N, C-alpha and C. Protein backbone atom coordinates (compact mmCIF):
# COMPACT_ATOMS: atom_id res chain seq x y z
N UNK A 1 151.06 68.12 156.22
CA UNK A 1 151.12 69.47 155.72
C UNK A 1 152.19 70.24 156.49
N UNK A 2 152.99 70.93 155.76
CA UNK A 2 154.05 71.73 156.32
C UNK A 2 153.46 72.98 157.01
N UNK A 3 153.84 73.28 158.26
CA UNK A 3 153.27 74.46 158.94
C UNK A 3 153.56 75.78 158.21
N UNK A 4 154.74 75.90 157.63
CA UNK A 4 155.05 77.13 156.90
C UNK A 4 154.16 77.30 155.68
N UNK A 5 153.86 76.18 155.03
CA UNK A 5 152.99 76.23 153.86
C UNK A 5 151.56 76.59 154.26
N UNK A 6 151.11 76.05 155.39
CA UNK A 6 149.77 76.37 155.87
C UNK A 6 149.66 77.83 156.26
N UNK A 7 150.68 78.35 156.91
CA UNK A 7 150.68 79.76 157.30
C UNK A 7 150.70 80.65 156.07
N UNK A 8 151.50 80.27 155.07
CA UNK A 8 151.57 81.05 153.83
C UNK A 8 150.23 81.04 153.10
N UNK A 9 149.58 79.90 153.05
CA UNK A 9 148.27 79.79 152.41
C UNK A 9 147.24 80.64 153.14
N UNK A 10 147.25 80.57 154.47
CA UNK A 10 146.32 81.37 155.27
C UNK A 10 146.58 82.87 155.08
N UNK A 11 147.83 83.26 155.08
CA UNK A 11 148.20 84.66 154.91
C UNK A 11 147.76 85.18 153.54
N UNK A 12 148.01 84.40 152.51
CA UNK A 12 147.61 84.84 151.18
C UNK A 12 146.09 84.91 151.03
N UNK A 13 145.38 84.02 151.70
CA UNK A 13 143.91 84.05 151.64
C UNK A 13 143.37 85.29 152.34
N UNK A 14 143.90 85.61 153.50
CA UNK A 14 143.44 86.79 154.23
C UNK A 14 143.78 88.07 153.47
N UNK A 15 144.97 88.15 152.93
CA UNK A 15 145.35 89.34 152.16
C UNK A 15 144.51 89.47 150.89
N UNK A 16 144.19 88.35 150.26
CA UNK A 16 143.35 88.40 149.07
C UNK A 16 141.93 88.85 149.43
N UNK A 17 141.43 88.38 150.57
CA UNK A 17 140.09 88.81 151.01
C UNK A 17 140.06 90.32 151.26
N UNK A 18 141.12 90.85 151.86
CA UNK A 18 141.20 92.30 152.07
C UNK A 18 141.30 93.03 150.74
N UNK A 19 142.05 92.48 149.81
CA UNK A 19 142.23 93.06 148.49
C UNK A 19 140.90 93.13 147.73
N UNK A 20 140.09 92.10 147.87
CA UNK A 20 138.81 92.04 147.17
C UNK A 20 137.77 92.96 147.83
N UNK A 21 137.74 93.03 149.14
CA UNK A 21 136.71 93.80 149.83
C UNK A 21 137.05 95.28 149.98
N UNK A 22 138.30 95.66 149.77
CA UNK A 22 138.71 97.06 149.98
C UNK A 22 137.91 98.06 149.14
N UNK A 23 137.66 97.84 147.85
CA UNK A 23 136.86 98.82 147.11
C UNK A 23 135.45 98.99 147.66
N UNK A 24 134.85 97.90 148.10
CA UNK A 24 133.50 97.98 148.65
C UNK A 24 133.49 98.72 149.99
N UNK A 25 134.44 98.38 150.84
CA UNK A 25 134.52 99.04 152.13
C UNK A 25 134.83 100.53 151.99
N UNK A 26 135.72 100.87 151.08
CA UNK A 26 136.04 102.28 150.84
C UNK A 26 134.84 103.05 150.33
N UNK A 27 134.11 102.45 149.41
CA UNK A 27 132.91 103.11 148.89
C UNK A 27 131.87 103.31 149.98
N UNK A 28 131.66 102.29 150.80
CA UNK A 28 130.68 102.41 151.88
C UNK A 28 131.12 103.48 152.90
N UNK A 29 132.41 103.58 153.13
CA UNK A 29 132.93 104.59 154.06
C UNK A 29 132.65 105.99 153.53
N UNK A 30 132.96 106.22 152.27
CA UNK A 30 132.75 107.55 151.68
C UNK A 30 131.26 107.90 151.63
N UNK A 31 130.43 106.97 151.20
CA UNK A 31 128.99 107.23 151.10
C UNK A 31 128.40 107.43 152.50
N UNK A 32 128.81 106.64 153.47
CA UNK A 32 128.31 106.78 154.83
C UNK A 32 128.70 108.11 155.45
N UNK A 33 129.95 108.51 155.26
CA UNK A 33 130.38 109.80 155.80
C UNK A 33 129.66 110.97 155.14
N UNK A 34 129.47 110.86 153.83
CA UNK A 34 128.74 111.91 153.11
C UNK A 34 127.29 112.00 153.59
N UNK A 35 126.64 110.86 153.74
CA UNK A 35 125.25 110.85 154.21
C UNK A 35 125.16 111.38 155.64
N UNK A 36 126.09 111.01 156.48
CA UNK A 36 126.09 111.50 157.87
C UNK A 36 126.32 113.00 157.92
N UNK A 37 127.22 113.48 157.09
CA UNK A 37 127.45 114.92 157.02
C UNK A 37 126.20 115.66 156.55
N UNK A 38 125.55 115.10 155.53
CA UNK A 38 124.31 115.69 155.04
C UNK A 38 123.23 115.71 156.13
N UNK A 39 123.12 114.62 156.88
CA UNK A 39 122.13 114.55 157.96
C UNK A 39 122.43 115.55 159.06
N UNK A 40 123.68 115.70 159.40
CA UNK A 40 124.01 116.63 160.48
C UNK A 40 123.84 118.09 160.04
N UNK A 41 124.09 118.38 158.77
CA UNK A 41 123.92 119.75 158.28
C UNK A 41 122.44 120.11 158.18
N UNK A 42 121.63 119.17 157.74
CA UNK A 42 120.20 119.46 157.54
C UNK A 42 119.35 119.09 158.75
N UNK A 43 119.92 118.49 159.76
CA UNK A 43 119.19 118.04 160.96
C UNK A 43 118.07 117.06 160.63
N UNK A 44 118.25 116.29 159.57
CA UNK A 44 117.28 115.26 159.21
C UNK A 44 117.81 113.92 159.74
N UNK A 45 117.01 113.24 160.54
CA UNK A 45 117.43 111.96 161.11
C UNK A 45 116.57 110.83 160.56
N UNK A 46 116.67 110.63 159.28
CA UNK A 46 115.92 109.57 158.61
C UNK A 46 116.87 108.43 158.28
N UNK A 47 116.49 107.20 158.63
CA UNK A 47 117.36 106.04 158.41
C UNK A 47 117.58 105.74 156.94
N UNK A 48 116.57 106.01 156.12
CA UNK A 48 116.72 105.69 154.70
C UNK A 48 117.73 106.61 154.01
N UNK A 49 118.02 107.77 154.60
CA UNK A 49 119.00 108.66 154.00
C UNK A 49 120.41 108.10 154.06
N UNK A 50 120.66 107.19 154.97
CA UNK A 50 121.97 106.54 155.00
C UNK A 50 121.95 105.17 154.32
N UNK A 51 120.81 104.49 154.39
CA UNK A 51 120.74 103.12 153.88
C UNK A 51 120.62 103.09 152.35
N UNK A 52 119.72 103.87 151.80
CA UNK A 52 119.47 103.83 150.35
C UNK A 52 120.69 104.21 149.52
N UNK A 53 121.40 105.29 149.84
CA UNK A 53 122.60 105.60 149.03
C UNK A 53 123.68 104.52 149.12
N UNK A 54 123.79 103.88 150.27
CA UNK A 54 124.78 102.81 150.41
C UNK A 54 124.43 101.62 149.52
N UNK A 55 123.17 101.27 149.46
CA UNK A 55 122.75 100.15 148.62
C UNK A 55 122.98 100.47 147.15
N UNK A 56 122.64 101.68 146.74
CA UNK A 56 122.83 102.08 145.36
C UNK A 56 124.33 102.11 145.02
N UNK A 57 125.13 102.67 145.89
CA UNK A 57 126.58 102.73 145.65
C UNK A 57 127.18 101.34 145.60
N UNK A 58 126.74 100.46 146.48
CA UNK A 58 127.24 99.09 146.47
C UNK A 58 126.90 98.39 145.17
N UNK A 59 125.68 98.58 144.68
CA UNK A 59 125.28 97.97 143.42
C UNK A 59 126.10 98.51 142.26
N UNK A 60 126.34 99.82 142.23
CA UNK A 60 127.12 100.43 141.16
C UNK A 60 128.56 99.91 141.17
N UNK A 61 129.15 99.86 142.36
CA UNK A 61 130.54 99.37 142.47
C UNK A 61 130.62 97.89 142.08
N UNK A 62 129.63 97.11 142.50
CA UNK A 62 129.64 95.68 142.15
C UNK A 62 129.54 95.47 140.65
N UNK A 63 128.70 96.25 139.98
CA UNK A 63 128.56 96.11 138.53
C UNK A 63 129.83 96.58 137.82
N UNK A 64 130.40 97.68 138.30
CA UNK A 64 131.61 98.20 137.65
C UNK A 64 132.81 97.28 137.85
N UNK A 65 132.91 96.65 139.01
CA UNK A 65 134.07 95.81 139.31
C UNK A 65 133.86 94.33 139.02
N UNK A 66 132.72 93.96 138.48
CA UNK A 66 132.42 92.54 138.25
C UNK A 66 133.48 91.84 137.40
N UNK A 67 133.92 92.40 136.28
CA UNK A 67 134.95 91.69 135.50
C UNK A 67 136.26 91.51 136.28
N UNK A 68 136.68 92.55 136.98
CA UNK A 68 137.91 92.47 137.78
C UNK A 68 137.75 91.44 138.90
N UNK A 69 136.58 91.45 139.56
CA UNK A 69 136.35 90.50 140.64
C UNK A 69 136.39 89.06 140.13
N UNK A 70 135.71 88.81 139.03
CA UNK A 70 135.70 87.45 138.49
C UNK A 70 137.08 86.99 138.07
N UNK A 71 137.84 87.90 137.42
CA UNK A 71 139.19 87.54 137.00
C UNK A 71 140.09 87.28 138.20
N UNK A 72 140.00 88.13 139.22
CA UNK A 72 140.84 87.97 140.42
C UNK A 72 140.48 86.70 141.17
N UNK A 73 139.19 86.45 141.35
CA UNK A 73 138.78 85.24 142.06
C UNK A 73 139.17 83.98 141.31
N UNK A 74 139.06 84.01 139.99
CA UNK A 74 139.45 82.86 139.18
C UNK A 74 140.95 82.60 139.28
N UNK A 75 141.75 83.66 139.17
CA UNK A 75 143.20 83.49 139.28
C UNK A 75 143.61 82.98 140.65
N UNK A 76 142.95 83.49 141.70
CA UNK A 76 143.28 83.02 143.05
C UNK A 76 142.90 81.56 143.23
N UNK A 77 141.72 81.18 142.75
CA UNK A 77 141.29 79.79 142.87
C UNK A 77 142.23 78.86 142.11
N UNK A 78 142.64 79.28 140.93
CA UNK A 78 143.58 78.44 140.15
C UNK A 78 144.91 78.31 140.89
N UNK A 79 145.39 79.40 141.48
CA UNK A 79 146.66 79.32 142.20
C UNK A 79 146.55 78.43 143.44
N UNK A 80 145.41 78.45 144.10
CA UNK A 80 145.23 77.57 145.26
C UNK A 80 145.15 76.12 144.81
N UNK A 81 144.43 75.86 143.72
CA UNK A 81 144.33 74.49 143.22
C UNK A 81 145.68 73.97 142.73
N UNK A 82 146.50 74.84 142.20
CA UNK A 82 147.83 74.43 141.76
C UNK A 82 148.74 74.09 142.94
N UNK A 83 148.45 74.66 144.10
CA UNK A 83 149.25 74.40 145.29
C UNK A 83 148.81 73.14 146.03
N UNK A 84 147.71 72.54 145.65
CA UNK A 84 147.19 71.37 146.36
C UNK A 84 148.20 70.21 146.36
N UNK A 85 148.85 69.88 145.25
CA UNK A 85 149.83 68.77 145.32
C UNK A 85 150.95 69.00 146.32
N UNK A 86 151.36 70.25 146.51
CA UNK A 86 152.43 70.49 147.47
C UNK A 86 151.94 70.40 148.91
N UNK A 87 150.63 70.42 149.13
CA UNK A 87 150.09 70.31 150.48
C UNK A 87 150.14 68.87 151.01
N UNK A 88 150.28 67.90 150.11
CA UNK A 88 150.24 66.50 150.51
C UNK A 88 151.52 66.05 151.19
N UNK A 89 152.59 66.77 151.02
CA UNK A 89 153.87 66.34 151.60
C UNK A 89 153.90 66.52 153.08
């Protein structure tokens, strides 16, 4: 296996993982900050006030992005499988 090819494959995999997880991480960031702001304004320190909205938001984002996720993951897997013959050199 060529070292440049291995580095390129690793780089594309890491960037693709960031590309796929970014919507989820962004949503969790916004929901977490909003819940924390709400808790600090109301002086309520209940754990479910941060956990429950995050779970609901994650489920909503996952359902909304499911077609895009499946298409992106399929295209990435096909591109990796197409590169397998070049890895043998």
